[in-house]
Amino acid sequence: MSTTGATADPLAALGSLPGVAESVESVRKAVDRVYGHRIMRRRSNEITSEAALRGARGSAALSGADWALEEVRRRTDFGVDAEARVMGAALRLTAEAGQLLSIWRQSPLRVLARLHLVAAASGEDRVGRPRLAGEPVDEPLVELPLPDAGEVSGRLEGLADLIIAGTSAPALVTAAVVHGELLALRPFTSHNGLVARAAERIVLIGSGLDPKAVCPAEVGHAELGRASYLAALDGYVSGTPEGMAAWIAHCGRAVELGVRESTAVCEALQRGAA
């Protein structure tokens, strides 16, 4: 995303793109409905925990570890093979995201570095910092052209400046841009998809749209499918108004599907089935 232009708040300007206001309103109504569920008044902590587990499973699925939910619950060893390591990284990121909310608005780059450190769980010197010129990127599921390290540095700084300055943009718009920009840049040598989705989660929670973390967008992204996800990302990378609006709408649908998932959990708890 270009952070230059005539407007002082380019994130807010995206809210005027065709169809974006409708996506924002649809998401707001969906979130309000699940927060109004009677179970949320008494057992919201259980819904939050279940949403975290399901969100981690969804994010891992988009990074190549598409496990059944019960398998995620059952497993305790997440280091035995590549898929298990992806799942373990997704679970760690979901847990860590809630600890970083207070830091995000003041130091988003610090948060992103921490997310990568948690995901990679490695002492290598390339972990927890943006990649340098010539360093390879292990992100086989995103096959877009890879920006060079100089462009990555400049665009990350621009994104951080926007977040620190604050914006009047709806939470959905800001979350979608953070998510899309990180996927487009792939600023780290690994785990960029997982980090991008964790950052989206932080924005949605920290903005106040989903303060109890019960609307896991990662569930929706996985349900919509990898092909749809990557097609929408192509729209973001194009930078066209239509492409940007389509990406924001895609992220909105993902949040709504996450709401649907947590609503089903509420209904199951209400019936005494969970």
Protein backbone atom coordinates (compact mmCIF):
# COMPACT_ATOMS: atom_id res chain seq x y z
CA MET A 1 0.00 0.00 0.00
CA SER A 2 1.29 3.44 -0.86
CA THR A 3 1.39 5.66 2.19
CA THR A 4 1.85 8.86 0.25
CA GLY A 5 -0.74 11.08 -1.32
CA ALA A 6 -2.95 14.08 -0.79
CA THR A 7 -4.79 12.78 2.24
CA ALA A 8 -3.27 12.87 5.71
CA ASP A 9 -5.11 9.67 6.62
CA PRO A 10 -4.86 7.24 3.71
CA LEU A 11 -6.34 4.41 5.76
CA ALA A 12 -9.49 6.43 6.36
CA ALA A 13 -9.66 7.25 2.66
CA LEU A 14 -10.01 3.54 1.91
CA GLY A 15 -13.28 3.57 3.79
CA SER A 16 -14.85 5.52 0.94
CA LEU A 17 -14.07 2.86 -1.67
CA PRO A 18 -17.15 1.27 -3.26
CA GLY A 19 -18.58 -1.46 -1.07
CA VAL A 20 -16.25 -0.92 1.88
CA ALA A 21 -18.78 0.93 4.04
CA GLU A 22 -21.22 -1.92 3.50
CA SER A 23 -18.59 -4.47 4.57
CA VAL A 24 -17.76 -2.45 7.66
CA GLU A 25 -21.42 -2.18 8.65
CA SER A 26 -22.07 -5.87 8.03
CA VAL A 27 -19.12 -6.82 10.23
CA ARG A 28 -20.21 -4.44 12.99
CA LYS A 29 -23.71 -5.92 13.05
CA ALA A 30 -22.36 -9.48 13.12
CA VAL A 31 -20.00 -8.68 16.00
CA ASP A 32 -22.80 -6.96 17.92
CA ARG A 33 -24.96 -10.06 17.55
CA VAL A 34 -22.44 -12.45 19.05
CA TYR A 35 -21.61 -10.03 21.86
CA GLY A 36 -25.32 -9.83 22.62
CA HIS A 37 -25.67 -13.60 22.97
CA ARG A 38 -26.84 -14.56 26.46
CA ILE A 39 -23.96 -17.03 26.89
CA MET A 40 -21.44 -14.22 26.37
CA ARG A 41 -22.68 -12.56 29.55
CA ARG A 42 -21.82 -15.58 31.69
CA ARG A 43 -19.19 -17.63 29.90
CA SER A 44 -17.25 -15.24 27.68
CA ASN A 45 -13.89 -16.60 28.87
CA GLU A 46 -14.79 -20.02 27.47
CA ILE A 47 -15.78 -18.48 24.15
CA THR A 48 -12.50 -16.54 24.04
CA SER A 49 -10.45 -19.69 24.69
CA GLU A 50 -12.31 -21.67 22.05
CA ALA A 51 -12.00 -18.83 19.53
CA ALA A 52 -8.24 -18.71 20.11
CA LEU A 53 -7.88 -22.44 19.46
CA ARG A 54 -10.02 -22.34 16.35
CA GLY A 55 -8.29 -19.21 15.09
CA ALA A 56 -4.87 -20.82 15.45
CA ARG A 57 -6.11 -23.90 13.61
CA GLY A 58 -7.42 -21.73 10.77
CA SER A 59 -4.22 -19.73 10.43
CA ALA A 60 -2.12 -22.90 10.41
CA ALA A 61 -4.37 -24.40 7.72
CA LEU A 62 -3.58 -21.47 5.42
CA SER A 63 0.13 -22.09 6.02
CA GLY A 64 -0.08 -25.75 5.07
CA ALA A 65 -1.04 -27.53 8.31
CA ASP A 66 -4.73 -28.26 7.83
CA TRP A 67 -5.53 -30.34 10.90
CA ALA A 68 -8.88 -31.33 12.33
CA LEU A 69 -9.78 -29.35 15.43
CA GLU A 70 -9.78 -32.44 17.62
CA GLU A 71 -6.26 -33.27 16.45
CA VAL A 72 -5.12 -29.83 17.61
CA ARG A 73 -6.75 -30.44 20.99
CA ARG A 74 -5.18 -33.88 21.32
CA ARG A 75 -1.60 -33.14 20.34
CA THR A 76 1.00 -32.00 22.82
CA ASP A 77 4.15 -32.31 20.70
CA PHE A 78 4.37 -29.66 18.01
CA GLY A 79 7.98 -30.13 16.98
CA VAL A 80 8.04 -33.54 15.32
CA ASP A 81 7.57 -32.50 11.68
CA ALA A 82 7.01 -29.45 9.47
CA GLU A 83 3.21 -29.39 9.83
CA ALA A 84 3.40 -29.81 13.59
CA ARG A 85 5.85 -26.91 13.81
CA VAL A 86 3.48 -24.70 11.80
CA MET A 87 0.63 -25.60 14.13
CA GLY A 88 2.78 -24.96 17.18
CA ALA A 89 3.78 -21.57 15.80
CA ALA A 90 0.14 -20.64 15.18
CA LEU A 91 -0.83 -21.61 18.72
CA ARG A 92 2.04 -19.62 20.22
CA LEU A 93 1.18 -16.56 18.15
CA THR A 94 -2.46 -16.63 19.17
CA ALA A 95 -1.45 -16.77 22.82
CA GLU A 96 1.16 -14.03 22.39
CA ALA A 97 -1.09 -11.60 20.50
CA GLY A 98 -3.09 -10.78 23.60
CA GLN A 99 0.07 -9.78 25.45
CA LEU A 100 1.07 -7.23 22.82
CA LEU A 101 -2.06 -5.11 22.53
CA SER A 102 -0.75 -2.27 24.67
CA ILE A 103 2.48 -2.04 22.68
CA TRP A 104 1.02 -2.11 19.17
CA ARG A 105 -0.06 1.53 18.87
CA GLN A 106 3.27 2.82 20.24
CA SER A 107 5.67 0.41 18.54
CA PRO A 108 4.17 -1.79 15.83
CA LEU A 109 7.57 -2.79 14.44
CA ARG A 110 8.60 -4.06 17.85
CA VAL A 111 5.41 -6.13 18.00
CA LEU A 112 6.00 -7.59 14.54
CA ALA A 113 9.56 -8.52 15.50
CA ARG A 114 8.26 -10.21 18.64
CA LEU A 115 5.63 -12.12 16.68
CA HIS A 116 8.26 -13.46 14.32
CA LEU A 117 10.50 -14.44 17.22
CA VAL A 118 7.62 -16.34 18.85
CA ALA A 119 6.61 -18.03 15.59
CA ALA A 120 10.12 -19.11 14.62
CA ALA A 121 11.14 -20.19 18.14
CA SER A 122 14.76 -20.18 17.04
CA GLY A 123 17.94 -18.46 18.10
CA GLU A 124 19.09 -17.77 14.53
CA ASP A 125 20.23 -14.21 13.96
CA ARG A 126 17.70 -13.70 11.15
CA VAL A 127 14.78 -14.29 13.54
CA GLY A 128 12.92 -11.30 14.99
CA ARG A 129 14.07 -8.73 12.43
CA PRO A 130 13.19 -7.80 8.83
CA ARG A 131 15.17 -9.70 6.23
CA LEU A 132 18.33 -8.27 4.77
CA ALA A 133 19.31 -8.03 1.10
CA GLY A 134 19.93 -11.47 -0.34
CA GLU A 135 18.28 -13.43 2.44
CA PRO A 136 15.80 -16.02 1.15
CA VAL A 137 12.17 -16.18 2.23
CA ASP A 138 10.47 -19.45 3.09
CA GLU A 139 6.83 -18.71 2.23
CA PRO A 140 5.95 -21.20 -0.52
CA LEU A 141 2.18 -20.65 -0.41
CA VAL A 142 2.46 -16.97 -1.41
CA GLU A 143 4.02 -16.80 -4.85
CA LEU A 144 3.81 -13.08 -5.54
CA PRO A 145 6.96 -11.21 -6.62
CA LEU A 146 9.09 -10.54 -3.56
CA PRO A 147 9.91 -6.89 -2.79
CA ASP A 148 13.58 -6.23 -2.10
CA ALA A 149 14.84 -5.48 1.39
CA GLY A 150 15.01 -1.73 0.77
CA GLU A 151 11.37 -1.56 -0.28
CA VAL A 152 10.39 -3.72 2.68
CA SER A 153 12.13 -1.38 5.11
CA GLY A 154 10.52 1.74 3.65
CA ARG A 155 7.03 0.31 3.53
CA LEU A 156 7.24 -1.13 7.03
CA GLU A 157 8.27 2.27 8.35
CA GLY A 158 5.40 3.87 6.46
CA LEU A 159 2.91 1.39 7.88
CA ALA A 160 4.25 1.91 11.39
CA ASP A 161 3.98 5.69 11.01
CA LEU A 162 0.32 5.38 10.03
CA ILE A 163 -0.47 3.21 13.03
CA ILE A 164 1.40 5.42 15.49
CA ALA A 165 -0.22 8.58 14.10
CA GLY A 166 -3.65 7.04 14.51
CA THR A 167 -6.46 6.87 12.03
CA SER A 168 -10.19 7.39 11.85
CA ALA A 169 -10.48 4.34 9.58
CA PRO A 170 -12.76 1.53 10.75
CA ALA A 171 -11.00 -1.35 12.47
CA LEU A 172 -11.78 -3.68 9.57
CA VAL A 173 -10.00 -1.40 7.10
CA THR A 174 -6.91 -1.01 9.29
CA ALA A 175 -6.75 -4.73 10.04
CA ALA A 176 -7.09 -5.61 6.35
CA VAL A 177 -4.32 -3.22 5.34
CA VAL A 178 -1.93 -4.46 8.03
CA HIS A 179 -2.65 -8.06 7.01
CA GLY A 180 -2.35 -7.39 3.28
CA GLU A 181 0.80 -5.30 3.57
CA LEU A 182 2.62 -7.93 5.60
CA LEU A 183 1.65 -10.68 3.17
CA ALA A 184 2.70 -8.55 0.21
CA LEU A 185 6.05 -7.63 1.76
CA ARG A 186 6.89 -10.91 3.49
CA PRO A 187 9.32 -8.93 5.64
CA PHE A 188 10.74 -11.92 7.52
CA THR A 189 12.60 -14.94 6.28
CA SER A 190 9.79 -17.26 7.42
CA HIS A 191 6.30 -17.44 9.00
CA ASN A 192 5.04 -14.28 7.29
CA GLY A 193 1.51 -15.56 6.77
CA LEU A 194 1.15 -16.56 10.41
CA VAL A 195 2.55 -13.21 11.55
CA ALA A 196 0.27 -11.27 9.19
CA ARG A 197 -2.84 -13.00 10.50
CA ALA A 198 -1.73 -12.51 14.12
CA ALA A 199 -1.25 -8.80 13.41
CA GLU A 200 -4.74 -8.63 11.92
CA ARG A 201 -6.00 -10.24 15.12
CA ILE A 202 -4.21 -7.62 17.25
CA VAL A 203 -5.81 -4.76 15.31
CA LEU A 204 -9.32 -6.21 15.53
CA ILE A 205 -9.00 -6.76 19.28
CA GLY A 206 -7.07 -3.62 20.17
CA SER A 207 -9.36 -1.37 18.16
CA GLY A 208 -12.29 -2.27 20.38
CA LEU A 209 -14.21 -4.02 17.61
CA ASP A 210 -13.61 -7.41 19.23
CA PRO A 211 -12.22 -6.68 22.72
CA LYS A 212 -12.94 -10.18 24.06
CA ALA A 213 -11.26 -11.85 21.05
CA VAL A 214 -14.27 -13.96 20.14
CA CYS A 215 -14.42 -13.23 16.38
CA PRO A 216 -11.50 -15.22 14.90
CA ALA A 217 -10.97 -13.94 11.36
CA GLU A 218 -8.46 -16.74 10.81
CA VAL A 219 -11.34 -19.23 10.91
CA GLY A 220 -13.06 -17.34 8.12
CA HIS A 221 -9.94 -17.00 6.00
CA ALA A 222 -9.45 -20.75 6.18
CA GLU A 223 -13.11 -21.47 5.43
CA LEU A 224 -13.08 -19.20 2.39
CA GLY A 225 -10.13 -21.24 1.13
CA ARG A 226 -6.55 -20.63 0.10
CA ALA A 227 -7.42 -19.92 -3.55
CA SER A 228 -9.89 -17.20 -2.58
CA TYR A 229 -7.41 -15.80 -0.06
CA LEU A 230 -4.63 -15.53 -2.62
CA ALA A 231 -6.95 -14.10 -5.28
CA ALA A 232 -8.06 -11.39 -2.88
CA LEU A 233 -4.43 -10.71 -1.99
CA ASP A 234 -3.69 -10.20 -5.68
CA GLY A 235 -6.28 -7.43 -5.56
CA TYR A 236 -4.55 -5.80 -2.62
CA VAL A 237 -1.15 -5.98 -4.30
CA SER A 238 -2.58 -4.43 -7.47
CA GLY A 239 -3.21 -1.23 -5.53
CA THR A 240 -6.29 -0.45 -7.59
CA PRO A 241 -9.41 0.84 -5.82
CA GLU A 242 -11.31 -2.26 -6.94
CA GLY A 243 -8.57 -4.59 -5.76
CA MET A 244 -8.20 -2.88 -2.39
CA ALA A 245 -11.97 -2.91 -1.84
CA ALA A 246 -12.13 -6.60 -2.74
CA TRP A 247 -9.40 -7.44 -0.22
CA ILE A 248 -11.13 -5.46 2.54
CA ALA A 249 -14.43 -7.17 1.71
CA HIS A 250 -12.70 -10.55 1.82
CA CYS A 251 -11.32 -9.78 5.29
CA GLY A 252 -14.80 -8.64 6.33
CA ARG A 253 -16.32 -11.93 5.24
CA ALA A 254 -13.61 -13.75 7.18
CA VAL A 255 -14.53 -11.87 10.37
CA GLU A 256 -18.22 -12.66 9.83
CA LEU A 257 -17.43 -16.35 9.43
CA GLY A 258 -15.39 -16.18 12.61
CA VAL A 259 -18.43 -14.67 14.31
CA ARG A 260 -20.56 -17.51 12.97
CA GLU A 261 -18.11 -20.03 14.43
CA SER A 262 -18.23 -18.46 17.88
CA THR A 263 -22.01 -18.13 17.71
CA ALA A 264 -22.17 -21.88 17.13
CA VAL A 265 -19.97 -22.40 20.19
CA CYS A 266 -22.33 -20.19 22.20
CA GLU A 267 -25.31 -22.22 21.03
CA ALA A 268 -23.56 -25.48 21.92
CA LEU A 269 -22.76 -24.20 25.41
CA GLN A 270 -26.33 -23.05 25.81
CA ARG A 271 -27.57 -26.56 24.96
CA GLY A 272 -25.09 -28.04 27.41
CA ALA A 273 -23.32 -29.89 24.61
CA ALA A 274 -19.91 -28.31 25.16
